[in-house]
Protein backbone atom coordinates (compact mmCIF):
# COMPACT_ATOMS: atom_id res chain seq x y z
CA MET A 1 0.00 0.00 0.00
CA TYR A 2 2.80 2.43 0.85
CA ASP A 3 5.69 2.99 -1.54
CA PRO A 4 9.05 3.26 0.31
CA VAL A 5 10.19 5.98 -2.10
CA GLN A 6 7.12 8.06 -1.28
CA LEU A 7 7.59 7.43 2.45
CA ARG A 8 11.21 8.58 2.26
CA THR A 9 10.07 11.75 0.49
CA PHE A 10 7.41 12.28 3.16
CA LEU A 11 9.97 11.97 5.99
CA THR A 12 12.33 14.38 4.25
CA VAL A 13 9.62 17.02 3.88
CA ALA A 14 8.62 16.49 7.52
CA GLN A 15 12.21 17.07 8.64
CA THR A 16 12.98 20.10 6.47
CA LEU A 17 9.45 21.59 6.43
CA SER A 18 10.20 22.60 2.87
CA PHE A 19 9.36 20.96 -0.44
CA THR A 20 12.26 22.82 -2.04
CA GLN A 21 14.81 21.66 0.52
CA ALA A 22 13.45 18.13 0.42
CA ALA A 23 13.90 18.06 -3.35
CA ALA A 24 17.49 19.31 -3.01
CA ARG A 25 18.34 16.69 -0.39
CA LEU A 26 16.79 13.85 -2.39
CA GLY A 27 18.24 15.02 -5.69
CA VAL A 28 14.88 15.26 -7.46
CA ARG A 29 12.64 18.02 -8.80
CA GLN A 30 10.23 19.82 -6.50
CA SER A 31 7.37 18.62 -8.71
CA THR A 32 8.46 15.04 -7.96
CA VAL A 33 8.32 15.71 -4.22
CA SER A 34 4.82 17.16 -4.59
CA GLN A 35 3.76 14.15 -6.66
CA HIS A 36 5.07 11.68 -4.06
CA VAL A 37 3.25 13.47 -1.25
CA ARG A 38 0.04 13.68 -3.26
CA ARG A 39 0.13 9.95 -4.03
CA LEU A 40 0.80 9.12 -0.39
CA GLU A 41 -2.13 11.30 0.64
CA GLU A 42 -4.28 9.44 -1.88
CA ALA A 43 -3.08 6.11 -0.46
CA THR A 44 -3.86 7.09 3.12
CA GLY A 45 -6.98 9.03 2.26
CA ARG A 46 -5.83 11.81 4.59
CA PRO A 47 -4.08 15.19 4.19
CA LEU A 48 -0.56 14.90 5.60
CA PHE A 49 0.65 18.50 5.37
CA VAL A 50 -0.82 21.95 5.86
CA ARG A 51 0.93 24.29 3.47
CA ASP A 52 0.67 27.78 2.08
CA THR A 53 3.07 30.13 0.29
CA HIS A 54 5.07 30.75 3.46
CA SER A 55 5.12 27.58 5.55
CA VAL A 56 4.72 23.81 5.66
CA GLY A 57 3.47 21.87 8.68
CA LEU A 58 2.31 18.37 9.53
CA THR A 59 -1.35 17.58 10.12
CA GLU A 60 -2.34 15.25 12.97
CA ASP A 61 -2.48 12.40 10.46
CA GLY A 62 0.95 13.41 9.17
CA GLU A 63 2.31 13.22 12.71
CA ALA A 64 0.78 9.76 13.08
CA LEU A 65 2.35 8.57 9.82
CA LEU A 66 5.87 9.52 10.95
CA GLY A 67 6.30 6.45 13.14
CA PHE A 68 4.76 4.08 10.61
CA ALA A 69 6.89 5.47 7.79
CA ARG A 70 10.09 5.12 9.79
CA THR A 71 9.26 1.53 10.80
CA ILE A 72 8.49 0.51 7.20
CA LEU A 73 11.69 2.07 5.86
CA GLU A 74 13.84 0.53 8.58
CA ALA A 75 12.43 -2.93 7.79
CA HIS A 76 13.02 -2.30 4.09
CA GLU A 77 16.65 -1.29 4.72
CA ARG A 78 17.30 -4.26 7.02
CA ALA A 79 16.07 -6.65 4.34
CA ALA A 80 18.21 -4.96 1.69
CA ALA A 81 21.30 -5.12 3.90
CA PHE A 82 20.68 -8.79 4.76
CA PHE A 83 20.42 -9.94 1.17
CA ALA A 84 23.28 -7.72 0.02
CA GLY A 85 25.47 -9.70 2.41
CA THR A 86 27.81 -6.82 3.20
CA ARG A 87 29.16 -6.16 6.70
CA LEU A 88 30.68 -2.85 7.66
CA ARG A 89 33.79 -2.81 9.82
CA GLY A 90 36.29 -0.31 11.17
CA ARG A 91 36.26 2.85 13.28
CA LEU A 92 33.74 5.66 12.87
CA ARG A 93 34.28 8.95 14.70
CA PHE A 94 30.91 10.67 14.97
CA GLY A 95 30.35 14.11 16.47
CA ALA A 96 26.92 15.36 17.59
CA SER A 97 25.93 18.81 18.76
CA GLU A 98 25.03 19.43 22.42
CA ASP A 99 21.54 20.30 21.14
CA PHE A 100 20.72 16.61 20.74
CA VAL A 101 21.68 15.45 24.24
CA LEU A 102 18.05 15.35 25.39
CA THR A 103 16.53 14.06 22.14
CA ARG A 104 16.04 10.55 20.77
CA LEU A 105 19.37 10.49 18.93
CA PRO A 106 20.49 7.57 21.17
CA GLU A 107 17.72 5.47 19.59
CA ILE A 108 19.17 6.12 16.13
CA LEU A 109 22.66 5.21 17.32
CA GLU A 110 21.38 2.10 19.07
CA GLY A 111 19.72 0.94 15.85
CA PHE A 112 22.92 1.58 13.91
CA ARG A 113 24.98 -0.42 16.41
CA HIS A 114 22.51 -3.28 16.18
CA GLU A 115 22.70 -3.31 12.38
CA HIS A 116 26.49 -2.89 12.25
CA PRO A 117 27.98 -4.56 15.33
CA GLU A 118 31.49 -4.71 13.84
CA VAL A 119 31.76 -0.92 13.52
CA ASP A 120 33.62 0.74 16.40
CA LEU A 121 31.52 3.86 16.89
CA GLU A 122 33.20 6.69 18.81
CA LEU A 123 30.79 9.47 19.84
CA SER A 124 31.85 13.03 20.67
CA VAL A 125 29.30 15.51 22.01
CA GLU A 126 30.51 19.10 21.60
CA LEU A 127 29.43 22.59 20.62
CA SER A 128 28.60 22.88 16.92
CA GLY A 129 31.47 25.32 16.40
CA THR A 130 33.93 22.89 17.98
CA LEU A 131 32.62 20.02 15.85
CA HIS A 132 33.17 22.04 12.67
CA GLU A 133 36.77 22.72 13.76
CA ARG A 134 37.46 19.06 14.59
CA LEU A 135 35.95 17.89 11.29
CA ASP A 136 38.07 20.38 9.33
CA ALA A 137 41.15 19.16 11.22
CA GLY A 138 40.42 15.55 10.26
CA ARG A 139 39.66 14.40 13.81
CA LEU A 140 36.06 13.39 13.05
CA ASP A 141 34.53 11.40 10.18
CA LEU A 142 30.90 12.55 10.42
CA VAL A 143 29.27 15.46 12.21
CA LEU A 144 25.67 16.39 13.02
CA ALA A 145 25.73 20.08 13.90
CA LYS A 146 24.26 23.51 13.31
CA ARG A 147 25.23 25.23 10.12
CA ARG A 148 27.37 28.27 10.82
CA GLY A 149 24.80 30.74 9.53
CA PRO A 150 23.02 32.16 6.47
CA GLY A 151 24.78 31.17 3.28
CA ASP A 152 26.37 28.05 4.78
CA GLU A 153 25.18 25.19 2.59
CA ARG A 154 27.78 22.58 3.52
CA GLY A 155 26.57 19.07 4.17
CA ARG A 156 23.10 17.57 3.91
CA LEU A 157 20.26 19.36 5.63
CA VAL A 158 18.68 17.19 8.34
CA TRP A 159 16.31 19.55 10.09
CA ARG A 160 15.28 23.21 10.00
CA ASP A 161 13.69 25.17 12.83
CA ARG A 162 13.77 28.62 14.42
CA MET A 163 15.74 29.88 17.38
CA VAL A 164 13.85 31.48 20.27
CA TRP A 165 14.61 33.01 23.65
CA ILE A 166 13.74 30.79 26.61
CA GLY A 167 13.88 31.09 30.38
CA ALA A 168 12.11 30.18 33.60
CA GLU A 169 8.35 30.54 33.68
CA GLY A 170 7.40 34.03 34.85
CA LEU A 171 10.79 35.54 33.93
CA ARG A 172 10.52 39.08 32.56
CA VAL A 173 13.35 40.92 30.85
CA ASP A 174 13.61 44.57 31.96
CA PRO A 175 13.90 46.66 28.77
CA GLU A 176 15.84 49.33 30.72
CA ARG A 177 18.60 46.95 31.83
CA PRO A 178 21.14 44.75 29.98
CA VAL A 179 19.75 41.40 28.89
CA PRO A 180 21.09 38.66 31.23
CA LEU A 181 22.42 35.92 28.96
CA ILE A 182 23.01 32.23 29.62
CA VAL A 183 25.39 31.03 26.92
CA PHE A 184 27.84 28.42 25.75
CA PRO A 185 31.48 29.56 25.59
CA PRO A 186 33.10 30.40 22.23
CA PRO A 187 33.03 29.10 19.52
CA GLY A 188 29.33 28.38 20.18
CA ILE A 189 27.20 29.18 17.14
CA THR A 190 24.12 29.88 19.30
CA ARG A 191 26.16 32.28 21.46
CA ALA A 192 27.42 34.15 18.39
CA ARG A 193 23.88 34.45 17.00
CA ALA A 194 22.47 35.79 20.30
CA LEU A 195 25.17 38.45 20.68
CA GLU A 196 25.01 39.51 17.04
CA VAL A 197 21.21 39.92 17.14
CA LEU A 198 21.23 41.94 20.36
CA GLU A 199 24.02 44.22 19.17
CA ARG A 200 22.36 44.74 15.79
CA ASN A 201 19.19 45.82 17.59
CA GLY A 202 20.98 48.08 20.05
CA ARG A 203 20.15 45.97 23.12
CA PRO A 204 22.83 45.97 25.84
CA TRP A 205 23.62 42.60 27.38
CA ARG A 206 25.63 40.92 30.11
CA ILE A 207 26.76 37.34 30.61
CA ALA A 208 24.89 35.83 33.56
CA CYS A 209 26.16 32.26 33.09
CA THR A 210 28.60 30.41 30.84
CA SER A 211 28.71 26.63 30.65
CA GLY A 212 30.11 24.12 28.19
CA SER A 213 27.28 21.68 28.89
CA LEU A 214 23.62 21.98 28.01
CA SER A 215 22.63 20.65 31.43
CA GLY A 216 24.54 23.50 33.06
CA LEU A 217 22.75 26.09 30.94
CA ILE A 218 19.36 24.53 31.65
CA ALA A 219 20.03 24.56 35.40
CA ALA A 220 20.94 28.25 35.27
CA ALA A 221 17.85 29.06 33.20
CA ARG A 222 15.55 27.15 35.55
CA ALA A 223 17.05 29.12 38.43
CA GLY A 224 15.93 32.34 36.71
CA LEU A 225 19.43 33.71 36.10
CA GLY A 226 18.59 34.90 32.61
CA VAL A 227 17.58 33.93 29.10
CA MET A 228 19.17 31.63 26.58
CA ALA A 229 18.85 31.24 22.82
CA HIS A 230 17.61 27.78 21.93
CA THR A 231 16.03 25.78 19.13
CA ARG A 232 12.23 26.11 19.29
CA GLY A 233 11.53 22.40 18.88
CA LEU A 234 13.94 21.35 21.63
CA ILE A 235 12.81 23.52 24.57
CA PRO A 236 13.67 21.54 27.75
CA PRO A 237 11.00 20.81 30.39
CA GLY A 238 10.60 23.61 32.94
CA LEU A 239 11.52 26.36 30.48
CA VAL A 240 9.28 28.52 28.28
CA ARG A 241 9.62 31.08 25.52
CA VAL A 242 10.41 34.63 26.65
CA GLY A 243 9.07 37.60 24.70
CA GLY A 244 10.18 41.17 24.31
CA LEU A 245 13.50 40.40 22.62
CA PRO A 246 14.64 40.58 18.98
CA GLU A 247 13.91 37.65 16.68
CA LEU A 248 16.79 35.18 16.43
CA GLY A 249 15.89 33.76 13.02
CA PRO A 250 16.12 30.25 11.55
CA VAL A 251 18.56 27.49 12.41
CA GLU A 252 19.59 24.51 10.29
CA PHE A 253 21.19 21.24 11.35
CA ALA A 254 23.23 19.35 8.79
CA LEU A 255 25.34 16.23 8.36
CA LEU A 256 28.89 16.82 7.20
CA GLN A 257 31.48 14.22 6.26
CA GLY A 258 35.24 14.55 6.55
CA ARG A 259 37.72 14.72 3.71
CA ARG A 260 38.47 11.00 4.10
CA PRO A 261 35.05 9.35 4.30
CA ALA A 262 34.97 6.33 6.62
CA PRO A 263 33.24 3.30 5.07
CA ALA A 264 30.56 3.34 7.78
CA ALA A 265 29.95 7.11 7.62
CA GLU A 266 27.45 6.90 4.79
CA ALA A 267 25.49 4.16 6.57
CA LEU A 268 25.19 6.23 9.75
CA ALA A 269 24.34 9.33 7.71
CA ALA A 270 21.51 7.40 6.06
CA ALA A 271 20.23 6.28 9.47
CA VAL A 272 20.25 9.84 10.82
CA LEU A 273 18.49 11.18 7.72
CA ALA A 274 15.85 8.44 7.89
CA GLY A 275 15.19 9.09 11.58
CA GLY A 276 15.65 12.86 11.52
CA ASP A 277 12.16 13.53 12.88
CA ARG A 278 13.25 11.95 16.17
CA LEU A 279 15.75 14.75 16.65
CA SER A 280 12.97 17.28 17.10
CA ARG A 281 11.38 15.30 19.93
CA PRO A 282 12.59 15.07 23.53
CA ALA A 283 13.59 11.63 24.76
């Protein structure tokens, strides 16, 4: 009933929230993406996306299909790998952004380890800026991290969202005083975005807390020490959006491979792309 090619297209649109970006990632025309989605909607008998000229979003039925689509594709890929008779081996150095610590990324990695038990997977969790530096230096084989900013089109887009200001419930930012910031240390991409936006809008700021770990930042935010810039879809429990501050704009997460691709890197990249919708959901 459900074509795996159409399901893969559906998952890609759900992750990027863009028919154009989905087409670019899949290497097909945008009209092909639209055709796949339309046929899948005909097969299910339900609308899967709400879309207009400015935005794309999942319907309730689209949300429900996410899990089914992922399960079908994973079974399809397991069967293909079994009958291909190939076994991956060797070391794979994978770097993931701090943003994904509290998401369901571990489920994706667990599935990869189950499918490829002879691959020695080494995981590094760092700031996106640090991961870019380590990849460029040849110390990582594959990285899942924020893109550095507008115009950065390196790697394969996994997920797009917006950045927002968050803090403890009830926190109010006094417009007459410097904005108290809770930030990662340099070279954090989120930190750089927050400072650039405030300075561009003439808002004075001060550093209220610096921590290299997401858990440290969350603790400071829950204590009401200030506000932090964060991805909208990954707001931790106990924190809420804070208004009255300049818009932070979009954020994109991408997969980037090193100059010397490891044999297992493409397999893990495919697993992350197939399960990318899990990255926008807390564990």
